[in-house]
């Protein structure tokens, strides 16, 4: 009986010690918040692509569906220009080295050196390739552009991503 009592006291102390672990909410900087949010954005996109591929859908097919889901958010009367401004702003906020390399009344050509280094460096992340990543974004953006009777073509080469937007 004494052993049982002693064991129960020791176990109670052990439980009490472990129960005293304190957690606190961190206070990240704005840069840390942004970087984690960007990681979540791209990693969730990659996971969605992988799940869609497992269900027999290509990355481009998923991109078209996602683009179609976004179309109602774009006011048809607002036109294509606010959409282009929005995606240029998005790239300026999230990508490395965004440059407009050609601009005319017919088209806008943008170069982005890097969007997400992890997938670009590794080639595959969370079961999706950099080619899947590019096809997804190309199809998603082009689906919205097609809604306005325009097109966006995003390709990836040695210098990065080249985006040709018809105006």
N, C-alpha and C. Protein backbone atom coordinates (compact mmCIF):
# COMPACT_ATOMS: atom_id res chain seq x y z
N UNK A 1 0.80 -1.18 0.00
CA UNK A 1 0.00 0.00 0.00
C UNK A 1 0.86 1.26 0.00
N UNK A 2 1.96 1.21 0.77
CA UNK A 2 2.86 2.35 0.81
C UNK A 2 3.47 2.59 -0.57
N UNK A 3 3.82 1.48 -1.27
CA UNK A 3 4.40 1.62 -2.61
C UNK A 3 3.40 2.29 -3.56
N UNK A 4 2.17 1.87 -3.48
CA UNK A 4 1.13 2.42 -4.35
C UNK A 4 0.94 3.91 -4.06
N UNK A 5 0.93 4.26 -2.77
CA UNK A 5 0.79 5.65 -2.36
C UNK A 5 1.99 6.48 -2.85
N UNK A 6 3.20 5.94 -2.67
CA UNK A 6 4.41 6.62 -3.09
C UNK A 6 4.44 6.80 -4.61
N UNK A 7 4.06 5.76 -5.35
CA UNK A 7 4.02 5.83 -6.81
C UNK A 7 3.01 6.89 -7.27
N UNK A 8 1.86 6.94 -6.62
CA UNK A 8 0.84 7.91 -7.02
C UNK A 8 1.30 9.34 -6.72
N UNK A 9 2.03 9.55 -5.64
CA UNK A 9 2.56 10.89 -5.33
C UNK A 9 3.62 11.27 -6.36
N UNK A 10 4.52 10.35 -6.68
CA UNK A 10 5.56 10.63 -7.68
C UNK A 10 4.91 10.94 -9.03
N UNK A 11 3.93 10.14 -9.43
CA UNK A 11 3.24 10.39 -10.69
C UNK A 11 2.51 11.74 -10.68
N UNK A 12 1.93 12.08 -9.55
CA UNK A 12 1.25 13.38 -9.43
C UNK A 12 2.24 14.53 -9.59
N UNK A 13 3.43 14.38 -8.98
CA UNK A 13 4.46 15.41 -9.10
C UNK A 13 4.95 15.53 -10.54
N UNK A 14 5.17 14.39 -11.17
CA UNK A 14 5.62 14.41 -12.57
C UNK A 14 4.57 15.09 -13.44
N UNK A 15 3.32 14.73 -13.26
CA UNK A 15 2.23 15.35 -14.03
C UNK A 15 2.15 16.85 -13.75
N UNK A 16 2.30 17.23 -12.48
CA UNK A 16 2.22 18.64 -12.11
C UNK A 16 3.36 19.43 -12.74
N UNK A 17 4.55 18.85 -12.75
CA UNK A 17 5.70 19.53 -13.36
C UNK A 17 5.46 19.75 -14.85
N UNK A 18 4.99 18.72 -15.54
CA UNK A 18 4.74 18.84 -16.98
C UNK A 18 3.55 19.74 -17.27
N UNK A 19 2.61 19.81 -16.37
CA UNK A 19 1.44 20.66 -16.57
C UNK A 19 1.79 22.13 -16.41
N UNK A 20 2.93 22.42 -15.82
CA UNK A 20 3.33 23.79 -15.59
C UNK A 20 4.00 24.44 -16.80
N UNK A 21 4.15 23.68 -17.89
CA UNK A 21 4.77 24.25 -19.08
C UNK A 21 3.95 25.44 -19.54
N UNK A 22 4.60 26.55 -19.71
CA UNK A 22 3.91 27.76 -20.15
C UNK A 22 4.16 27.99 -21.62
N UNK A 23 3.10 28.33 -22.31
CA UNK A 23 3.20 28.72 -23.71
C UNK A 23 2.87 30.19 -23.80
N UNK A 24 3.45 30.83 -24.78
CA UNK A 24 3.13 32.23 -24.99
C UNK A 24 2.99 32.47 -26.50
N UNK A 25 2.22 33.45 -26.82
CA UNK A 25 2.03 33.81 -28.22
C UNK A 25 3.22 34.67 -28.64
N UNK A 26 3.90 34.26 -29.72
CA UNK A 26 5.04 35.07 -30.17
C UNK A 26 4.57 36.40 -30.76
N UNK A 27 5.47 37.34 -30.84
CA UNK A 27 5.18 38.63 -31.46
C UNK A 27 6.12 38.82 -32.65
N UNK A 28 5.75 38.22 -33.79
CA UNK A 28 6.62 38.33 -34.95
C UNK A 28 6.61 39.74 -35.54
N UNK A 29 7.68 40.07 -36.24
CA UNK A 29 7.75 41.35 -36.93
C UNK A 29 6.85 41.29 -38.17
N UNK A 30 6.59 42.41 -38.78
CA UNK A 30 5.78 42.44 -40.00
C UNK A 30 6.46 41.63 -41.11
N UNK A 31 7.78 41.69 -41.19
CA UNK A 31 8.49 40.90 -42.20
C UNK A 31 8.33 39.41 -41.95
N UNK A 32 8.42 38.99 -40.70
CA UNK A 32 8.21 37.58 -40.37
C UNK A 32 6.78 37.15 -40.70
N UNK A 33 5.81 37.98 -40.38
CA UNK A 33 4.42 37.67 -40.71
C UNK A 33 4.25 37.52 -42.22
N UNK A 34 4.82 38.44 -42.97
CA UNK A 34 4.72 38.38 -44.43
C UNK A 34 5.35 37.11 -44.98
N UNK A 35 6.55 36.80 -44.51
CA UNK A 35 7.25 35.61 -45.02
C UNK A 35 6.49 34.32 -44.72
N UNK A 36 5.92 34.21 -43.53
CA UNK A 36 5.14 33.02 -43.19
C UNK A 36 3.87 32.96 -44.02
N UNK A 37 3.22 34.09 -44.22
CA UNK A 37 2.00 34.14 -45.04
C UNK A 37 2.32 33.72 -46.48
N UNK A 38 3.42 34.21 -47.01
CA UNK A 38 3.82 33.85 -48.38
C UNK A 38 4.12 32.36 -48.48
N UNK A 39 4.80 31.80 -47.50
CA UNK A 39 5.06 30.36 -47.48
C UNK A 39 3.75 29.57 -47.46
N UNK A 40 2.82 30.01 -46.63
CA UNK A 40 1.53 29.33 -46.57
C UNK A 40 0.82 29.39 -47.92
N UNK A 41 0.82 30.55 -48.54
CA UNK A 41 0.16 30.72 -49.84
C UNK A 41 0.71 29.73 -50.86
N UNK A 42 2.01 29.72 -51.04
CA UNK A 42 2.59 28.86 -52.07
C UNK A 42 2.51 27.38 -51.69
N UNK A 43 2.72 27.06 -50.43
CA UNK A 43 2.67 25.66 -50.02
C UNK A 43 1.25 25.09 -50.13
N UNK A 44 0.26 25.90 -49.82
CA UNK A 44 -1.12 25.45 -49.98
C UNK A 44 -1.43 25.24 -51.45
N UNK A 45 -0.99 26.16 -52.31
CA UNK A 45 -1.17 25.98 -53.76
C UNK A 45 -0.53 24.68 -54.22
N UNK A 46 0.69 24.41 -53.78
CA UNK A 46 1.37 23.18 -54.17
C UNK A 46 0.64 21.94 -53.66
N UNK A 47 0.15 22.00 -52.43
CA UNK A 47 -0.61 20.87 -51.89
C UNK A 47 -1.90 20.65 -52.67
N UNK A 48 -2.58 21.74 -53.03
CA UNK A 48 -3.80 21.61 -53.84
C UNK A 48 -3.50 20.98 -55.19
N UNK A 49 -2.41 21.38 -55.81
CA UNK A 49 -2.01 20.80 -57.11
C UNK A 49 -1.78 19.30 -56.95
N UNK A 50 -1.09 18.92 -55.89
CA UNK A 50 -0.80 17.50 -55.65
C UNK A 50 -2.09 16.71 -55.43
N UNK A 51 -3.00 17.25 -54.65
CA UNK A 51 -4.28 16.58 -54.42
C UNK A 51 -5.06 16.46 -55.73
N UNK A 52 -5.10 17.53 -56.51
CA UNK A 52 -5.81 17.49 -57.80
C UNK A 52 -5.19 16.46 -58.73
N UNK A 53 -3.87 16.39 -58.76
CA UNK A 53 -3.20 15.38 -59.60
C UNK A 53 -3.58 13.98 -59.15
N UNK A 54 -3.68 13.77 -57.86
CA UNK A 54 -4.09 12.48 -57.32
C UNK A 54 -5.51 12.11 -57.73
N UNK A 55 -6.32 13.13 -58.00
CA UNK A 55 -7.70 12.91 -58.44
C UNK A 55 -7.82 12.89 -59.97
N UNK A 56 -6.65 12.87 -60.65
CA UNK A 56 -6.65 12.77 -62.11
C UNK A 56 -6.74 14.09 -62.85
N UNK A 57 -6.59 15.21 -62.15
CA UNK A 57 -6.66 16.52 -62.78
C UNK A 57 -5.24 17.06 -62.97
N UNK A 58 -4.99 17.78 -64.05
CA UNK A 58 -3.68 18.40 -64.25
C UNK A 58 -3.62 19.71 -63.48
N UNK A 59 -2.42 20.23 -63.31
CA UNK A 59 -2.24 21.52 -62.64
C UNK A 59 -2.94 22.62 -63.43
N UNK A 60 -2.88 22.55 -64.75
CA UNK A 60 -3.53 23.55 -65.60
C UNK A 60 -5.05 23.48 -65.45
N UNK A 61 -5.61 22.28 -65.37
CA UNK A 61 -7.06 22.15 -65.19
C UNK A 61 -7.50 22.74 -63.86
N UNK A 62 -6.71 22.49 -62.81
CA UNK A 62 -7.01 23.08 -61.51
C UNK A 62 -6.90 24.60 -61.61
N UNK A 63 -5.87 25.11 -62.25
CA UNK A 63 -5.69 26.55 -62.41
C UNK A 63 -6.89 27.19 -63.11
N UNK A 64 -7.41 26.54 -64.14
CA UNK A 64 -8.59 27.06 -64.84
C UNK A 64 -9.79 27.12 -63.90
N UNK A 65 -9.98 26.07 -63.10
CA UNK A 65 -11.12 26.05 -62.16
C UNK A 65 -10.98 27.15 -61.11
N UNK A 66 -9.78 27.32 -60.59
CA UNK A 66 -9.55 28.36 -59.59
C UNK A 66 -9.74 29.74 -60.22
N UNK A 67 -9.20 29.93 -61.42
CA UNK A 67 -9.40 31.20 -62.12
C UNK A 67 -10.87 31.50 -62.35
N UNK A 68 -11.63 30.48 -62.75
CA UNK A 68 -13.07 30.66 -62.96
C UNK A 68 -13.77 31.03 -61.65
N UNK A 69 -13.30 30.46 -60.54
CA UNK A 69 -13.89 30.79 -59.23
C UNK A 69 -13.62 32.25 -58.86
N UNK A 70 -12.49 32.80 -59.31
CA UNK A 70 -12.13 34.18 -58.99
C UNK A 70 -12.86 35.21 -59.87
N UNK A 71 -13.34 34.80 -61.04
CA UNK A 71 -13.93 35.75 -61.99
C UNK A 71 -15.02 36.62 -61.37
N UNK A 72 -15.95 36.08 -60.58
CA UNK A 72 -16.98 36.96 -60.01
C UNK A 72 -16.42 38.10 -59.15
N UNK A 73 -15.22 37.95 -58.64
CA UNK A 73 -14.62 39.00 -57.83
C UNK A 73 -14.18 40.20 -58.69
N UNK A 74 -14.08 40.00 -59.98
CA UNK A 74 -13.64 41.08 -60.87
C UNK A 74 -14.86 41.68 -61.57
N UNK A 75 -15.12 42.91 -61.28
CA UNK A 75 -16.24 43.62 -61.86
C UNK A 75 -16.01 43.79 -63.36
N UNK A 76 -16.92 43.27 -64.17
CA UNK A 76 -16.76 43.38 -65.63
C UNK A 76 -16.65 44.82 -66.08
N UNK A 77 -17.36 45.73 -65.43
CA UNK A 77 -17.27 47.13 -65.82
C UNK A 77 -15.94 47.75 -65.44
N UNK A 78 -15.27 47.15 -64.46
CA UNK A 78 -13.95 47.65 -64.07
C UNK A 78 -12.91 47.36 -65.12
N UNK A 79 -13.13 46.32 -65.87
CA UNK A 79 -12.25 46.00 -66.99
C UNK A 79 -11.00 45.23 -66.61
N UNK A 80 -10.21 45.04 -67.63
CA UNK A 80 -9.01 44.24 -67.54
C UNK A 80 -7.87 44.98 -66.85
N UNK A 81 -7.81 46.30 -67.01
CA UNK A 81 -6.69 47.08 -66.46
C UNK A 81 -6.57 46.97 -64.95
N UNK A 82 -7.67 47.03 -64.18
CA UNK A 82 -7.52 46.84 -62.72
C UNK A 82 -6.98 45.45 -62.37
N UNK A 83 -7.35 44.45 -63.16
CA UNK A 83 -6.83 43.10 -62.93
C UNK A 83 -5.32 43.06 -63.15
N UNK A 84 -4.86 43.67 -64.26
CA UNK A 84 -3.42 43.69 -64.55
C UNK A 84 -2.68 44.46 -63.45
N UNK A 85 -3.23 45.59 -63.05
CA UNK A 85 -2.61 46.37 -61.97
C UNK A 85 -2.53 45.55 -60.69
N UNK A 86 -3.59 44.80 -60.40
CA UNK A 86 -3.62 43.96 -59.20
C UNK A 86 -2.54 42.89 -59.23
N UNK A 87 -2.40 42.18 -60.37
CA UNK A 87 -1.40 41.12 -60.40
C UNK A 87 0.02 41.68 -60.43
N UNK A 88 0.21 42.85 -61.07
CA UNK A 88 1.54 43.49 -61.03
C UNK A 88 1.88 43.86 -59.59
N UNK A 89 0.93 44.40 -58.88
CA UNK A 89 1.15 44.74 -57.48
C UNK A 89 1.45 43.49 -56.66
N UNK A 90 0.70 42.42 -56.91
CA UNK A 90 0.95 41.17 -56.20
C UNK A 90 2.36 40.65 -56.42
N UNK A 91 2.79 40.67 -57.68
CA UNK A 91 4.16 40.22 -57.96
C UNK A 91 5.19 41.14 -57.33
N UNK A 92 4.94 42.45 -57.37
CA UNK A 92 5.89 43.40 -56.77
C UNK A 92 6.02 43.16 -55.26
N UNK A 93 4.93 42.70 -54.63
CA UNK A 93 4.95 42.45 -53.19
C UNK A 93 5.54 41.10 -52.83
N UNK A 94 5.44 40.10 -53.71
CA UNK A 94 5.83 38.75 -53.32
C UNK A 94 7.02 38.17 -54.08
N UNK A 95 7.30 38.68 -55.26
CA UNK A 95 8.34 38.08 -56.10
C UNK A 95 9.64 38.88 -56.03
N UNK A 96 10.69 38.23 -56.48
CA UNK A 96 11.99 38.90 -56.57
C UNK A 96 12.10 39.58 -57.94
N UNK A 97 12.58 40.79 -57.99
CA UNK A 97 12.97 41.49 -59.21
C UNK A 97 11.93 41.41 -60.33
N UNK A 98 10.89 42.19 -60.22
CA UNK A 98 9.85 42.28 -61.24
C UNK A 98 10.17 43.45 -62.15
N UNK A 99 10.21 43.19 -63.45
CA UNK A 99 10.52 44.25 -64.42
C UNK A 99 9.58 44.18 -65.61
N UNK A 100 9.11 45.35 -66.02
CA UNK A 100 8.38 45.44 -67.28
C UNK A 100 9.43 45.61 -68.35
N UNK A 101 9.51 44.64 -69.28
CA UNK A 101 10.55 44.70 -70.31
C UNK A 101 10.02 45.16 -71.67
N UNK A 102 8.71 45.17 -71.82
CA UNK A 102 8.12 45.66 -73.06
C UNK A 102 6.70 46.10 -72.76
N UNK A 103 6.33 47.24 -73.34
CA UNK A 103 4.98 47.75 -73.13
C UNK A 103 4.53 48.48 -74.37
N UNK A 104 3.38 48.10 -74.89
CA UNK A 104 2.80 48.76 -76.06
C UNK A 104 1.28 48.75 -75.89
N UNK A 105 0.57 49.25 -76.89
CA UNK A 105 -0.89 49.22 -76.84
C UNK A 105 -1.43 47.80 -76.96
N UNK A 106 -0.62 46.88 -77.49
CA UNK A 106 -1.05 45.50 -77.71
C UNK A 106 -0.66 44.54 -76.59
N UNK A 107 0.49 44.78 -75.97
CA UNK A 107 0.93 43.82 -74.96
C UNK A 107 1.83 44.44 -73.91
N UNK A 108 1.92 43.71 -72.81
CA UNK A 108 2.80 44.04 -71.71
C UNK A 108 3.61 42.78 -71.43
N UNK A 109 4.93 42.92 -71.39
CA UNK A 109 5.79 41.77 -71.11
C UNK A 109 6.52 42.05 -69.80
N UNK A 110 6.37 41.12 -68.87
CA UNK A 110 6.94 41.25 -67.54
C UNK A 110 7.90 40.09 -67.29
N UNK A 111 9.04 40.37 -66.68
CA UNK A 111 9.99 39.34 -66.26
C UNK A 111 10.06 39.33 -64.74
N UNK A 112 10.00 38.14 -64.19
CA UNK A 112 10.12 37.95 -62.74
C UNK A 112 11.23 36.92 -62.53
N UNK A 113 12.29 37.33 -61.84
CA UNK A 113 13.43 36.42 -61.68
C UNK A 113 13.06 35.20 -60.86
N UNK A 114 12.23 35.37 -59.84
CA UNK A 114 11.88 34.26 -58.97
C UNK A 114 10.55 34.56 -58.30
N UNK A 115 9.75 33.51 -58.13
CA UNK A 115 8.50 33.67 -57.38
C UNK A 115 8.62 32.93 -56.05
N UNK A 116 9.05 31.67 -56.09
CA UNK A 116 9.15 30.86 -54.87
C UNK A 116 10.41 30.01 -54.97
N UNK A 117 11.46 30.49 -54.32
CA UNK A 117 12.78 29.84 -54.41
C UNK A 117 12.76 28.37 -54.04
N UNK A 118 11.98 28.00 -53.04
CA UNK A 118 12.00 26.61 -52.57
C UNK A 118 11.65 25.64 -53.70
N UNK A 119 10.59 25.90 -54.43
CA UNK A 119 10.19 24.99 -55.52
C UNK A 119 11.14 25.14 -56.70
N UNK A 120 11.61 26.34 -56.95
CA UNK A 120 12.51 26.58 -58.08
C UNK A 120 13.86 25.90 -57.85
N UNK A 121 14.35 25.92 -56.63
CA UNK A 121 15.63 25.29 -56.32
C UNK A 121 15.53 23.77 -56.23
N UNK A 122 14.45 23.28 -55.64
CA UNK A 122 14.32 21.83 -55.43
C UNK A 122 13.70 21.11 -56.62
N UNK A 123 12.89 21.83 -57.40
CA UNK A 123 12.23 21.20 -58.55
C UNK A 123 10.91 20.56 -58.19
N UNK A 124 10.82 19.93 -57.01
CA UNK A 124 9.59 19.30 -56.54
C UNK A 124 9.44 19.62 -55.05
N UNK A 125 8.23 19.97 -54.67
CA UNK A 125 7.94 20.28 -53.27
C UNK A 125 6.50 19.89 -53.00
N UNK A 126 6.26 19.16 -51.94
CA UNK A 126 4.92 18.68 -51.57
C UNK A 126 4.27 17.90 -52.71
N UNK A 127 5.07 17.21 -53.48
CA UNK A 127 4.55 16.36 -54.55
C UNK A 127 4.24 17.08 -55.85
N UNK A 128 4.53 18.36 -55.94
CA UNK A 128 4.30 19.12 -57.18
C UNK A 128 5.61 19.69 -57.69
N UNK A 129 5.72 19.74 -59.00
CA UNK A 129 6.94 20.25 -59.63
C UNK A 129 6.83 21.73 -59.93
N UNK A 130 7.96 22.33 -60.22
CA UNK A 130 7.98 23.74 -60.62
C UNK A 130 7.21 23.92 -61.93
N UNK A 131 7.20 22.90 -62.77
CA UNK A 131 6.42 22.96 -64.01
C UNK A 131 4.92 22.98 -63.69
N UNK A 132 4.50 22.17 -62.70
CA UNK A 132 3.10 22.18 -62.26
C UNK A 132 2.73 23.55 -61.69
N UNK A 133 3.62 24.09 -60.89
CA UNK A 133 3.43 25.40 -60.27
C UNK A 133 3.21 26.47 -61.33
N UNK A 134 4.06 26.45 -62.36
CA UNK A 134 3.96 27.42 -63.45
C UNK A 134 2.69 27.21 -64.25
N UNK A 135 2.36 25.96 -64.57
CA UNK A 135 1.15 25.66 -65.34
C UNK A 135 -0.10 26.09 -64.59
N UNK A 136 -0.11 25.88 -63.29
CA UNK A 136 -1.25 26.27 -62.44
C UNK A 136 -1.47 27.78 -62.51
N UNK A 137 -0.41 28.55 -62.23
CA UNK A 137 -0.54 30.00 -62.24
C UNK A 137 -0.85 30.53 -63.63
N UNK A 138 -0.25 29.96 -64.65
CA UNK A 138 -0.52 30.38 -66.02
C UNK A 138 -2.01 30.18 -66.35
N UNK A 139 -2.54 29.01 -66.05
CA UNK A 139 -3.94 28.70 -66.36
C UNK A 139 -4.90 29.55 -65.53
N UNK A 140 -4.58 29.75 -64.26
CA UNK A 140 -5.44 30.54 -63.39
C UNK A 140 -5.55 31.98 -63.90
N UNK A 141 -4.40 32.60 -64.16
CA UNK A 141 -4.40 33.99 -64.62
C UNK A 141 -5.02 34.11 -66.01
N UNK A 142 -4.73 33.14 -66.87
CA UNK A 142 -5.27 33.20 -68.22
C UNK A 142 -6.78 33.01 -68.24
N UNK A 143 -7.32 32.23 -67.32
CA UNK A 143 -8.78 32.05 -67.25
C UNK A 143 -9.47 33.38 -66.96
N UNK A 144 -8.90 34.16 -66.06
CA UNK A 144 -9.47 35.48 -65.74
C UNK A 144 -9.28 36.42 -66.93
N UNK A 145 -8.10 36.40 -67.53
CA UNK A 145 -7.84 37.24 -68.71
C UNK A 145 -8.80 36.90 -69.85
N UNK A 146 -9.04 35.61 -70.07
CA UNK A 146 -9.95 35.17 -71.14
C UNK A 146 -11.36 35.69 -70.90
N UNK A 147 -11.74 35.83 -69.65
CA UNK A 147 -13.05 36.40 -69.30
C UNK A 147 -13.20 37.80 -69.90
N UNK A 148 -12.10 38.52 -70.00
CA UNK A 148 -12.08 39.87 -70.57
C UNK A 148 -11.72 39.88 -72.06
N UNK A 149 -11.60 38.70 -72.65
CA UNK A 149 -11.23 38.63 -74.07
C UNK A 149 -9.75 38.91 -74.30
N UNK A 150 -8.94 38.67 -73.30
CA UNK A 150 -7.50 38.90 -73.37
C UNK A 150 -6.78 37.60 -73.03
N UNK A 151 -5.45 37.67 -72.98
CA UNK A 151 -4.71 36.48 -72.60
C UNK A 151 -3.48 36.85 -71.78
N UNK A 152 -3.06 35.88 -70.99
CA UNK A 152 -1.82 35.96 -70.22
C UNK A 152 -1.11 34.64 -70.45
N UNK A 153 0.16 34.73 -70.80
CA UNK A 153 0.95 33.51 -70.95
C UNK A 153 2.17 33.63 -70.06
N UNK A 154 2.28 32.69 -69.15
CA UNK A 154 3.39 32.67 -68.19
C UNK A 154 4.25 31.45 -68.48
N UNK A 155 5.52 31.70 -68.79
CA UNK A 155 6.45 30.61 -69.04
C UNK A 155 7.67 30.80 -68.14
N UNK A 156 8.35 29.71 -67.87
CA UNK A 156 9.53 29.76 -67.01
C UNK A 156 10.74 29.35 -67.82
N UNK A 157 11.78 30.17 -67.76
CA UNK A 157 13.04 29.88 -68.43
C UNK A 157 14.20 30.08 -67.48
N UNK A 158 15.40 30.13 -68.02
CA UNK A 158 16.61 30.28 -67.19
C UNK A 158 16.65 31.61 -66.44
N UNK A 159 16.09 32.66 -67.04
CA UNK A 159 16.12 33.98 -66.39
C UNK A 159 14.98 34.19 -65.41
N UNK A 160 14.05 33.24 -65.39
CA UNK A 160 12.90 33.38 -64.51
C UNK A 160 11.61 33.18 -65.27
N UNK A 161 10.60 33.94 -64.87
CA UNK A 161 9.28 33.82 -65.46
C UNK A 161 9.04 34.97 -66.43
N UNK A 162 8.56 34.64 -67.59
CA UNK A 162 8.18 35.64 -68.58
C UNK A 162 6.67 35.61 -68.70
N UNK A 163 6.06 36.76 -68.50
CA UNK A 163 4.60 36.85 -68.59
C UNK A 163 4.26 37.81 -69.70
N UNK A 164 3.51 37.33 -70.70
CA UNK A 164 3.07 38.17 -71.80
C UNK A 164 1.57 38.37 -71.64
N UNK A 165 1.20 39.62 -71.48
CA UNK A 165 -0.20 39.98 -71.27
C UNK A 165 -0.68 40.75 -72.49
N UNK A 166 -1.72 40.24 -73.17
CA UNK A 166 -2.28 40.99 -74.29
C UNK A 166 -3.23 42.03 -73.72
N UNK A 167 -3.12 43.22 -74.28
CA UNK A 167 -3.92 44.36 -73.75
C UNK A 167 -5.08 44.72 -74.63
